[in-house]
N, C-alpha and C. Protein backbone atom coordinates (compact mmCIF):
# COMPACT_ATOMS: atom_id res chain seq x y z
N MET A 1 -3.48 34.45 30.21
CA MET A 1 -4.17 35.61 29.70
C MET A 1 -5.04 35.18 28.52
N ASN A 2 -6.32 35.57 28.52
CA ASN A 2 -7.17 35.28 27.37
C ASN A 2 -7.23 36.51 26.46
N ILE A 3 -7.94 36.41 25.36
CA ILE A 3 -7.92 37.49 24.37
C ILE A 3 -8.50 38.78 24.94
N ASN A 4 -9.54 38.69 25.77
CA ASN A 4 -10.10 39.90 26.38
C ASN A 4 -9.07 40.59 27.26
N GLU A 5 -8.30 39.81 27.99
CA GLU A 5 -7.25 40.38 28.84
C GLU A 5 -6.14 41.00 27.98
N VAL A 6 -5.82 40.37 26.87
CA VAL A 6 -4.81 40.91 25.96
C VAL A 6 -5.29 42.25 25.40
N ILE A 7 -6.56 42.29 24.96
CA ILE A 7 -7.11 43.51 24.37
C ILE A 7 -7.12 44.64 25.39
N SER A 8 -7.58 44.34 26.61
CA SER A 8 -7.70 45.40 27.62
C SER A 8 -6.39 45.73 28.33
N SER A 9 -5.34 44.95 28.10
CA SER A 9 -4.07 45.19 28.79
C SER A 9 -3.36 46.44 28.30
N GLY A 10 -3.68 46.86 27.08
CA GLY A 10 -2.99 48.01 26.53
C GLY A 10 -1.62 47.68 25.96
N LYS A 11 -1.23 46.41 26.01
CA LYS A 11 0.08 46.00 25.51
C LYS A 11 0.11 45.85 23.99
N VAL A 12 -1.07 45.69 23.40
CA VAL A 12 -1.18 45.50 21.97
C VAL A 12 -2.20 46.48 21.43
N ASP A 13 -1.92 47.04 20.27
CA ASP A 13 -2.83 47.99 19.64
C ASP A 13 -3.55 47.30 18.49
N PHE A 14 -4.84 47.06 18.67
CA PHE A 14 -5.64 46.38 17.65
C PHE A 14 -6.41 47.36 16.77
N THR A 15 -6.26 48.66 17.00
CA THR A 15 -7.03 49.63 16.21
C THR A 15 -6.61 49.55 14.75
N GLY A 16 -7.61 49.60 13.89
CA GLY A 16 -7.35 49.60 12.45
C GLY A 16 -7.12 48.23 11.85
N ILE A 17 -7.06 47.17 12.65
CA ILE A 17 -6.83 45.84 12.09
C ILE A 17 -8.12 45.34 11.44
N GLU A 18 -7.98 44.81 10.23
CA GLU A 18 -9.14 44.27 9.53
C GLU A 18 -9.68 43.06 10.28
N SER A 19 -10.98 42.88 10.22
CA SER A 19 -11.64 41.78 10.93
C SER A 19 -11.08 40.42 10.50
N SER A 20 -10.79 40.26 9.21
CA SER A 20 -10.28 38.97 8.73
C SER A 20 -8.92 38.66 9.35
N TYR A 21 -8.05 39.66 9.44
CA TYR A 21 -6.75 39.46 10.07
C TYR A 21 -6.91 39.16 11.56
N PHE A 22 -7.82 39.91 12.19
CA PHE A 22 -8.06 39.70 13.61
C PHE A 22 -8.56 38.28 13.86
N LEU A 23 -9.49 37.81 13.03
CA LEU A 23 -10.02 36.46 13.19
C LEU A 23 -8.93 35.41 13.04
N LEU A 24 -8.06 35.55 12.04
CA LEU A 24 -6.98 34.58 11.85
C LEU A 24 -6.05 34.55 13.06
N GLY A 25 -5.72 35.71 13.58
CA GLY A 25 -4.89 35.77 14.78
C GLY A 25 -5.60 35.17 15.98
N LEU A 26 -6.87 35.46 16.09
CA LEU A 26 -7.69 34.94 17.19
C LEU A 26 -7.75 33.42 17.14
N LEU A 27 -7.95 32.86 15.95
CA LEU A 27 -8.00 31.40 15.81
C LEU A 27 -6.65 30.77 16.19
N SER A 28 -5.57 31.37 15.76
CA SER A 28 -4.24 30.84 16.08
C SER A 28 -3.97 30.90 17.58
N ALA A 29 -4.28 32.05 18.19
CA ALA A 29 -4.07 32.20 19.63
C ALA A 29 -4.98 31.24 20.41
N PHE A 30 -6.22 31.10 19.94
CA PHE A 30 -7.15 30.18 20.60
C PHE A 30 -6.62 28.76 20.56
N GLU A 31 -6.13 28.33 19.39
CA GLU A 31 -5.60 26.97 19.25
C GLU A 31 -4.47 26.73 20.24
N ASN A 32 -3.59 27.71 20.38
CA ASN A 32 -2.48 27.57 21.33
C ASN A 32 -2.99 27.47 22.77
N ARG A 33 -3.93 28.32 23.14
CA ARG A 33 -4.47 28.31 24.50
C ARG A 33 -5.25 27.01 24.78
N PHE A 34 -6.06 26.62 23.79
CA PHE A 34 -6.83 25.39 23.96
C PHE A 34 -5.91 24.18 24.09
N GLN A 35 -4.89 24.13 23.24
CA GLN A 35 -3.96 23.00 23.29
C GLN A 35 -3.26 22.92 24.64
N ALA A 36 -2.90 24.05 25.21
CA ALA A 36 -2.24 24.06 26.51
C ALA A 36 -3.16 23.49 27.59
N VAL A 37 -4.42 23.89 27.58
CA VAL A 37 -5.39 23.38 28.56
C VAL A 37 -5.64 21.89 28.34
N ALA A 38 -5.84 21.51 27.09
CA ALA A 38 -6.11 20.10 26.77
C ALA A 38 -4.93 19.22 27.13
N ASP A 39 -3.71 19.68 26.85
CA ASP A 39 -2.52 18.89 27.18
C ASP A 39 -2.40 18.67 28.68
N ARG A 40 -2.71 19.70 29.46
CA ARG A 40 -2.65 19.56 30.93
C ARG A 40 -3.75 18.64 31.44
N THR A 41 -4.89 18.67 30.79
CA THR A 41 -6.04 17.89 31.23
C THR A 41 -5.85 16.40 30.96
N MET A 42 -5.39 16.06 29.77
CA MET A 42 -5.29 14.65 29.37
C MET A 42 -4.11 13.94 30.04
N LYS A 43 -3.06 14.65 30.31
CA LYS A 43 -1.85 14.14 30.96
C LYS A 43 -1.16 13.02 30.18
N GLU A 44 -1.83 11.93 29.94
CA GLU A 44 -1.19 10.76 29.31
C GLU A 44 -0.87 10.97 27.83
N ILE A 45 -1.71 11.76 27.16
CA ILE A 45 -1.48 12.04 25.74
C ILE A 45 -1.72 13.53 25.48
N SER A 46 -1.20 14.00 24.35
CA SER A 46 -1.37 15.40 23.98
C SER A 46 -2.72 15.61 23.29
N TRP A 47 -3.11 16.88 23.17
CA TRP A 47 -4.34 17.19 22.46
C TRP A 47 -4.27 16.68 21.02
N LYS A 48 -3.14 16.89 20.34
CA LYS A 48 -3.03 16.46 18.95
C LYS A 48 -3.18 14.94 18.84
N GLN A 49 -2.64 14.21 19.82
CA GLN A 49 -2.80 12.76 19.82
C GLN A 49 -4.26 12.39 20.06
N PHE A 50 -4.91 13.09 20.98
CA PHE A 50 -6.32 12.82 21.26
C PHE A 50 -7.19 13.17 20.05
N PHE A 51 -6.86 14.27 19.37
CA PHE A 51 -7.58 14.65 18.16
C PHE A 51 -7.46 13.57 17.10
N ALA A 52 -6.27 12.98 16.96
CA ALA A 52 -6.08 11.88 16.02
C ALA A 52 -6.99 10.71 16.38
N ILE A 53 -7.08 10.39 17.66
CA ILE A 53 -7.95 9.31 18.13
C ILE A 53 -9.40 9.61 17.79
N ILE A 54 -9.83 10.84 18.02
CA ILE A 54 -11.21 11.24 17.69
C ILE A 54 -11.47 11.04 16.20
N CYS A 55 -10.53 11.47 15.37
CA CYS A 55 -10.69 11.35 13.92
C CYS A 55 -10.70 9.88 13.48
N ILE A 56 -9.84 9.07 14.05
CA ILE A 56 -9.82 7.64 13.73
C ILE A 56 -11.17 7.01 14.09
N ASN A 57 -11.66 7.37 15.26
CA ASN A 57 -12.91 6.81 15.76
C ASN A 57 -14.11 7.19 14.88
N MET A 58 -14.03 8.33 14.23
CA MET A 58 -15.14 8.79 13.38
C MET A 58 -15.14 8.11 12.01
N CYS A 59 -14.03 7.51 11.63
CA CYS A 59 -13.94 6.87 10.31
C CYS A 59 -14.80 5.61 10.24
N LYS A 60 -15.45 5.42 9.11
CA LYS A 60 -16.31 4.26 8.92
C LYS A 60 -15.51 2.98 8.79
N GLU A 61 -14.31 3.06 8.23
CA GLU A 61 -13.40 1.92 8.16
C GLU A 61 -12.03 2.37 8.63
N ARG A 62 -11.16 1.41 8.92
CA ARG A 62 -9.82 1.74 9.41
C ARG A 62 -9.13 2.67 8.41
N PRO A 63 -8.78 3.89 8.83
CA PRO A 63 -8.16 4.83 7.89
C PRO A 63 -6.70 4.51 7.63
N THR A 64 -6.21 5.03 6.51
CA THR A 64 -4.78 4.99 6.23
C THR A 64 -4.17 6.26 6.82
N VAL A 65 -2.85 6.33 6.84
CA VAL A 65 -2.18 7.54 7.32
C VAL A 65 -2.57 8.71 6.43
N LYS A 66 -2.64 8.48 5.13
CA LYS A 66 -3.04 9.53 4.18
C LYS A 66 -4.46 10.01 4.47
N ASP A 67 -5.39 9.08 4.69
CA ASP A 67 -6.77 9.45 5.01
C ASP A 67 -6.80 10.34 6.25
N LEU A 68 -6.09 9.91 7.27
CA LEU A 68 -6.10 10.63 8.53
C LEU A 68 -5.46 12.01 8.39
N ALA A 69 -4.40 12.12 7.61
CA ALA A 69 -3.76 13.42 7.38
C ALA A 69 -4.75 14.39 6.72
N GLU A 70 -5.53 13.89 5.77
CA GLU A 70 -6.52 14.73 5.11
C GLU A 70 -7.61 15.17 6.07
N ILE A 71 -8.09 14.25 6.89
CA ILE A 71 -9.14 14.56 7.86
C ILE A 71 -8.65 15.58 8.89
N MET A 72 -7.42 15.39 9.37
CA MET A 72 -6.87 16.27 10.41
C MET A 72 -6.36 17.60 9.85
N GLY A 73 -6.21 17.68 8.54
CA GLY A 73 -5.69 18.91 7.96
C GLY A 73 -4.22 19.12 8.26
N SER A 74 -3.48 18.03 8.28
CA SER A 74 -2.06 18.10 8.62
C SER A 74 -1.25 17.30 7.59
N SER A 75 0.06 17.45 7.65
CA SER A 75 0.91 16.73 6.70
C SER A 75 1.00 15.24 7.06
N HIS A 76 1.30 14.45 6.08
CA HIS A 76 1.50 13.01 6.27
C HIS A 76 2.57 12.77 7.33
N GLN A 77 3.67 13.53 7.27
CA GLN A 77 4.78 13.36 8.20
C GLN A 77 4.37 13.67 9.64
N ASN A 78 3.63 14.77 9.83
CA ASN A 78 3.19 15.13 11.18
C ASN A 78 2.25 14.08 11.76
N VAL A 79 1.31 13.63 10.94
CA VAL A 79 0.36 12.62 11.41
C VAL A 79 1.08 11.31 11.72
N LYS A 80 2.03 10.95 10.89
CA LYS A 80 2.80 9.72 11.12
C LYS A 80 3.52 9.78 12.46
N GLN A 81 4.11 10.93 12.80
CA GLN A 81 4.79 11.09 14.09
C GLN A 81 3.81 10.95 15.25
N ILE A 82 2.64 11.56 15.12
CA ILE A 82 1.60 11.44 16.15
C ILE A 82 1.21 9.98 16.33
N LEU A 83 1.02 9.29 15.21
CA LEU A 83 0.59 7.89 15.25
C LEU A 83 1.66 6.99 15.87
N LEU A 84 2.91 7.24 15.55
CA LEU A 84 3.99 6.43 16.12
C LEU A 84 4.02 6.57 17.65
N LYS A 85 3.79 7.78 18.13
CA LYS A 85 3.74 8.00 19.59
C LYS A 85 2.54 7.29 20.21
N LEU A 86 1.40 7.36 19.53
CA LEU A 86 0.21 6.66 20.03
C LEU A 86 0.40 5.15 20.02
N GLU A 87 1.06 4.65 18.99
CA GLU A 87 1.32 3.21 18.91
C GLU A 87 2.25 2.78 20.05
N LYS A 88 3.26 3.57 20.30
CA LYS A 88 4.22 3.26 21.37
C LYS A 88 3.53 3.23 22.74
N LYS A 89 2.51 4.09 22.92
CA LYS A 89 1.77 4.15 24.18
C LYS A 89 0.66 3.11 24.25
N GLY A 90 0.44 2.36 23.18
CA GLY A 90 -0.55 1.30 23.18
C GLY A 90 -1.96 1.74 22.81
N PHE A 91 -2.11 2.93 22.22
CA PHE A 91 -3.43 3.44 21.88
C PHE A 91 -3.93 2.97 20.51
N ILE A 92 -3.00 2.68 19.62
CA ILE A 92 -3.38 2.26 18.26
C ILE A 92 -2.47 1.13 17.79
N ASN A 93 -2.95 0.45 16.76
CA ASN A 93 -2.13 -0.51 16.01
C ASN A 93 -2.07 -0.02 14.57
N ILE A 94 -0.87 -0.08 14.01
CA ILE A 94 -0.69 0.25 12.60
C ILE A 94 -0.28 -1.03 11.90
N SER A 95 -1.04 -1.40 10.87
CA SER A 95 -0.73 -2.64 10.15
C SER A 95 -0.95 -2.45 8.66
N ALA A 96 -0.31 -3.31 7.87
CA ALA A 96 -0.43 -3.25 6.42
C ALA A 96 -1.85 -3.61 6.00
N ASP A 97 -2.32 -2.93 4.98
CA ASP A 97 -3.62 -3.22 4.40
C ASP A 97 -3.56 -4.61 3.76
N LYS A 98 -4.62 -5.37 3.93
CA LYS A 98 -4.64 -6.74 3.40
C LYS A 98 -4.59 -6.77 1.87
N LYS A 99 -5.21 -5.79 1.20
CA LYS A 99 -5.26 -5.78 -0.26
C LYS A 99 -4.06 -5.07 -0.88
N ASP A 100 -3.58 -4.02 -0.21
CA ASP A 100 -2.46 -3.23 -0.74
C ASP A 100 -1.44 -3.04 0.37
N LYS A 101 -0.41 -3.84 0.36
CA LYS A 101 0.59 -3.85 1.45
C LYS A 101 1.34 -2.53 1.59
N ARG A 102 1.26 -1.64 0.58
CA ARG A 102 1.92 -0.34 0.68
C ARG A 102 1.17 0.59 1.63
N LYS A 103 -0.12 0.36 1.79
CA LYS A 103 -0.94 1.20 2.67
C LYS A 103 -0.88 0.68 4.10
N GLN A 104 -0.84 1.60 5.03
CA GLN A 104 -0.88 1.24 6.44
C GLN A 104 -2.22 1.68 7.01
N ARG A 105 -2.90 0.76 7.65
CA ARG A 105 -4.21 1.02 8.26
C ARG A 105 -4.05 1.21 9.77
N ILE A 106 -4.89 2.05 10.32
CA ILE A 106 -4.80 2.40 11.74
C ILE A 106 -6.04 1.88 12.46
N GLN A 107 -5.81 1.29 13.63
CA GLN A 107 -6.91 0.75 14.41
C GLN A 107 -6.71 1.14 15.88
N LEU A 108 -7.80 1.55 16.52
CA LEU A 108 -7.74 1.85 17.95
C LEU A 108 -7.67 0.54 18.73
N THR A 109 -6.93 0.55 19.82
CA THR A 109 -6.82 -0.64 20.66
C THR A 109 -7.89 -0.62 21.76
N GLU A 110 -8.04 -1.74 22.41
CA GLU A 110 -8.96 -1.82 23.54
C GLU A 110 -8.51 -0.87 24.65
N TYR A 111 -7.21 -0.77 24.84
CA TYR A 111 -6.65 0.16 25.84
C TYR A 111 -7.11 1.59 25.54
N CYS A 112 -7.10 1.97 24.28
CA CYS A 112 -7.54 3.31 23.85
C CYS A 112 -9.02 3.50 24.14
N ARG A 113 -9.81 2.49 23.82
CA ARG A 113 -11.27 2.59 24.05
C ARG A 113 -11.57 2.75 25.54
N GLU A 114 -10.82 2.03 26.38
CA GLU A 114 -10.99 2.15 27.83
C GLU A 114 -10.58 3.54 28.31
N PHE A 115 -9.47 4.07 27.78
CA PHE A 115 -9.00 5.41 28.11
C PHE A 115 -10.06 6.45 27.77
N CYS A 116 -10.62 6.35 26.56
CA CYS A 116 -11.64 7.30 26.13
C CYS A 116 -12.89 7.22 27.00
N SER A 117 -13.29 6.01 27.31
CA SER A 117 -14.46 5.81 28.16
C SER A 117 -14.23 6.40 29.55
N LYS A 118 -13.05 6.16 30.09
CA LYS A 118 -12.70 6.66 31.43
C LYS A 118 -12.68 8.19 31.47
N ASN A 119 -12.32 8.84 30.37
CA ASN A 119 -12.18 10.30 30.32
C ASN A 119 -13.36 11.01 29.67
N GLU A 120 -14.37 10.27 29.27
CA GLU A 120 -15.51 10.84 28.55
C GLU A 120 -16.23 11.92 29.36
N GLU A 121 -16.51 11.65 30.62
CA GLU A 121 -17.24 12.61 31.45
C GLU A 121 -16.44 13.89 31.64
N MET A 122 -15.14 13.75 31.90
CA MET A 122 -14.29 14.92 32.11
C MET A 122 -14.24 15.79 30.84
N THR A 123 -14.04 15.16 29.69
CA THR A 123 -13.96 15.94 28.44
C THR A 123 -15.30 16.58 28.11
N SER A 124 -16.37 15.89 28.39
CA SER A 124 -17.71 16.44 28.16
C SER A 124 -17.94 17.67 29.04
N ASP A 125 -17.50 17.60 30.29
CA ASP A 125 -17.65 18.75 31.21
C ASP A 125 -16.85 19.95 30.72
N ILE A 126 -15.64 19.71 30.24
CA ILE A 126 -14.81 20.81 29.73
C ILE A 126 -15.46 21.45 28.51
N ILE A 127 -15.98 20.63 27.61
CA ILE A 127 -16.63 21.16 26.41
C ILE A 127 -17.86 21.99 26.80
N LYS A 128 -18.65 21.50 27.74
CA LYS A 128 -19.83 22.25 28.20
C LYS A 128 -19.41 23.60 28.76
N LYS A 129 -18.36 23.62 29.56
CA LYS A 129 -17.88 24.88 30.14
C LYS A 129 -17.36 25.82 29.06
N MET A 130 -16.65 25.28 28.08
CA MET A 130 -16.10 26.11 27.00
C MET A 130 -17.19 26.79 26.19
N PHE A 131 -18.28 26.10 25.97
CA PHE A 131 -19.33 26.62 25.10
C PHE A 131 -20.52 27.20 25.87
N MET A 132 -20.34 27.42 27.17
CA MET A 132 -21.38 28.01 28.00
C MET A 132 -21.72 29.41 27.48
N GLY A 133 -22.99 29.68 27.34
CA GLY A 133 -23.43 31.00 26.89
C GLY A 133 -23.38 31.19 25.38
N ILE A 134 -23.08 30.15 24.65
CA ILE A 134 -23.02 30.22 23.19
C ILE A 134 -24.19 29.42 22.64
N SER A 135 -25.02 30.08 21.86
CA SER A 135 -26.23 29.42 21.33
C SER A 135 -25.89 28.48 20.19
N GLU A 136 -26.81 27.60 19.91
CA GLU A 136 -26.65 26.68 18.77
C GLU A 136 -26.55 27.47 17.47
N GLU A 137 -27.31 28.56 17.38
CA GLU A 137 -27.25 29.41 16.18
C GLU A 137 -25.84 30.01 16.02
N GLN A 138 -25.25 30.49 17.09
CA GLN A 138 -23.89 31.04 17.02
C GLN A 138 -22.89 29.97 16.60
N LEU A 139 -23.04 28.77 17.15
CA LEU A 139 -22.15 27.67 16.77
C LEU A 139 -22.27 27.36 15.28
N GLN A 140 -23.50 27.30 14.78
CA GLN A 140 -23.72 26.97 13.37
C GLN A 140 -23.13 28.05 12.46
N VAL A 141 -23.28 29.31 12.82
CA VAL A 141 -22.70 30.39 12.02
C VAL A 141 -21.18 30.28 12.01
N THR A 142 -20.60 30.00 13.17
CA THR A 142 -19.15 29.85 13.26
C THR A 142 -18.67 28.67 12.43
N ILE A 143 -19.37 27.56 12.53
CA ILE A 143 -19.02 26.36 11.75
C ILE A 143 -19.07 26.68 10.26
N GLN A 144 -20.15 27.30 9.81
CA GLN A 144 -20.30 27.62 8.39
C GLN A 144 -19.23 28.61 7.91
N THR A 145 -18.88 29.56 8.77
CA THR A 145 -17.84 30.53 8.43
C THR A 145 -16.50 29.83 8.23
N ILE A 146 -16.15 28.95 9.15
CA ILE A 146 -14.86 28.25 9.06
C ILE A 146 -14.86 27.30 7.86
N ILE A 147 -15.97 26.65 7.59
CA ILE A 147 -16.06 25.78 6.41
C ILE A 147 -15.86 26.60 5.14
N GLN A 148 -16.46 27.78 5.07
CA GLN A 148 -16.30 28.63 3.88
C GLN A 148 -14.84 29.09 3.73
N ILE A 149 -14.21 29.47 4.83
CA ILE A 149 -12.80 29.86 4.78
C ILE A 149 -11.95 28.68 4.31
N GLU A 150 -12.26 27.48 4.80
CA GLU A 150 -11.54 26.26 4.39
C GLU A 150 -11.73 26.00 2.89
N ASP A 151 -12.96 26.17 2.39
CA ASP A 151 -13.21 26.01 0.96
C ASP A 151 -12.40 27.02 0.15
N ASN A 152 -12.33 28.25 0.62
CA ASN A 152 -11.55 29.28 -0.06
C ASN A 152 -10.06 28.94 -0.06
N LEU A 153 -9.58 28.40 1.06
CA LEU A 153 -8.18 27.98 1.14
C LEU A 153 -7.88 26.88 0.14
N LYS A 154 -8.80 25.94 0.03
CA LYS A 154 -8.63 24.83 -0.92
C LYS A 154 -8.50 25.37 -2.33
N GLU A 155 -9.34 26.33 -2.67
CA GLU A 155 -9.29 26.92 -4.00
C GLU A 155 -7.94 27.63 -4.24
N ILE A 156 -7.46 28.31 -3.22
CA ILE A 156 -6.15 28.97 -3.32
C ILE A 156 -5.06 27.94 -3.58
N ARG A 157 -5.08 26.84 -2.83
CA ARG A 157 -4.07 25.78 -3.00
C ARG A 157 -4.14 25.19 -4.41
N GLU A 158 -5.35 24.96 -4.90
CA GLU A 158 -5.53 24.35 -6.22
C GLU A 158 -5.09 25.27 -7.35
N ASN A 159 -5.16 26.58 -7.13
CA ASN A 159 -4.79 27.55 -8.16
C ASN A 159 -3.33 27.97 -8.10
N GLU A 160 -2.56 27.40 -7.19
CA GLU A 160 -1.15 27.77 -7.10
C GLU A 160 -0.33 27.08 -8.16
């Protein structure tokens, strides 16, 4: 069931809900639905594991666990668990930093690069289908809205 089906089902009453609350619920429900589809699609790894790979790949240098946790917006412990699973499956290598042995650096393996290359067309097709009928302007407004909400969250965290 997608959100339109939930709204029209009559099982939930959304009348009177503030837009901000509705958006937060919508984002949470979307993440759950997207993760379920992505997990079924990738088969070999979970969406969260694939997201970690995407984030690692975007880094200019081999990230640390702390760097990756900040980029992914998750706790150090959660990211470490994701990385350990990826390492066990042969997607990444975790090794001590040459300058500071306390830091652990993450590197994608050749196996991971081959996996990503093999699945690139499929993931691209899914993304195209997901964003069908959505203009670049709509995407940019959504991106800016989420960035502003994230900035506001950061300020809340800093003022606690």
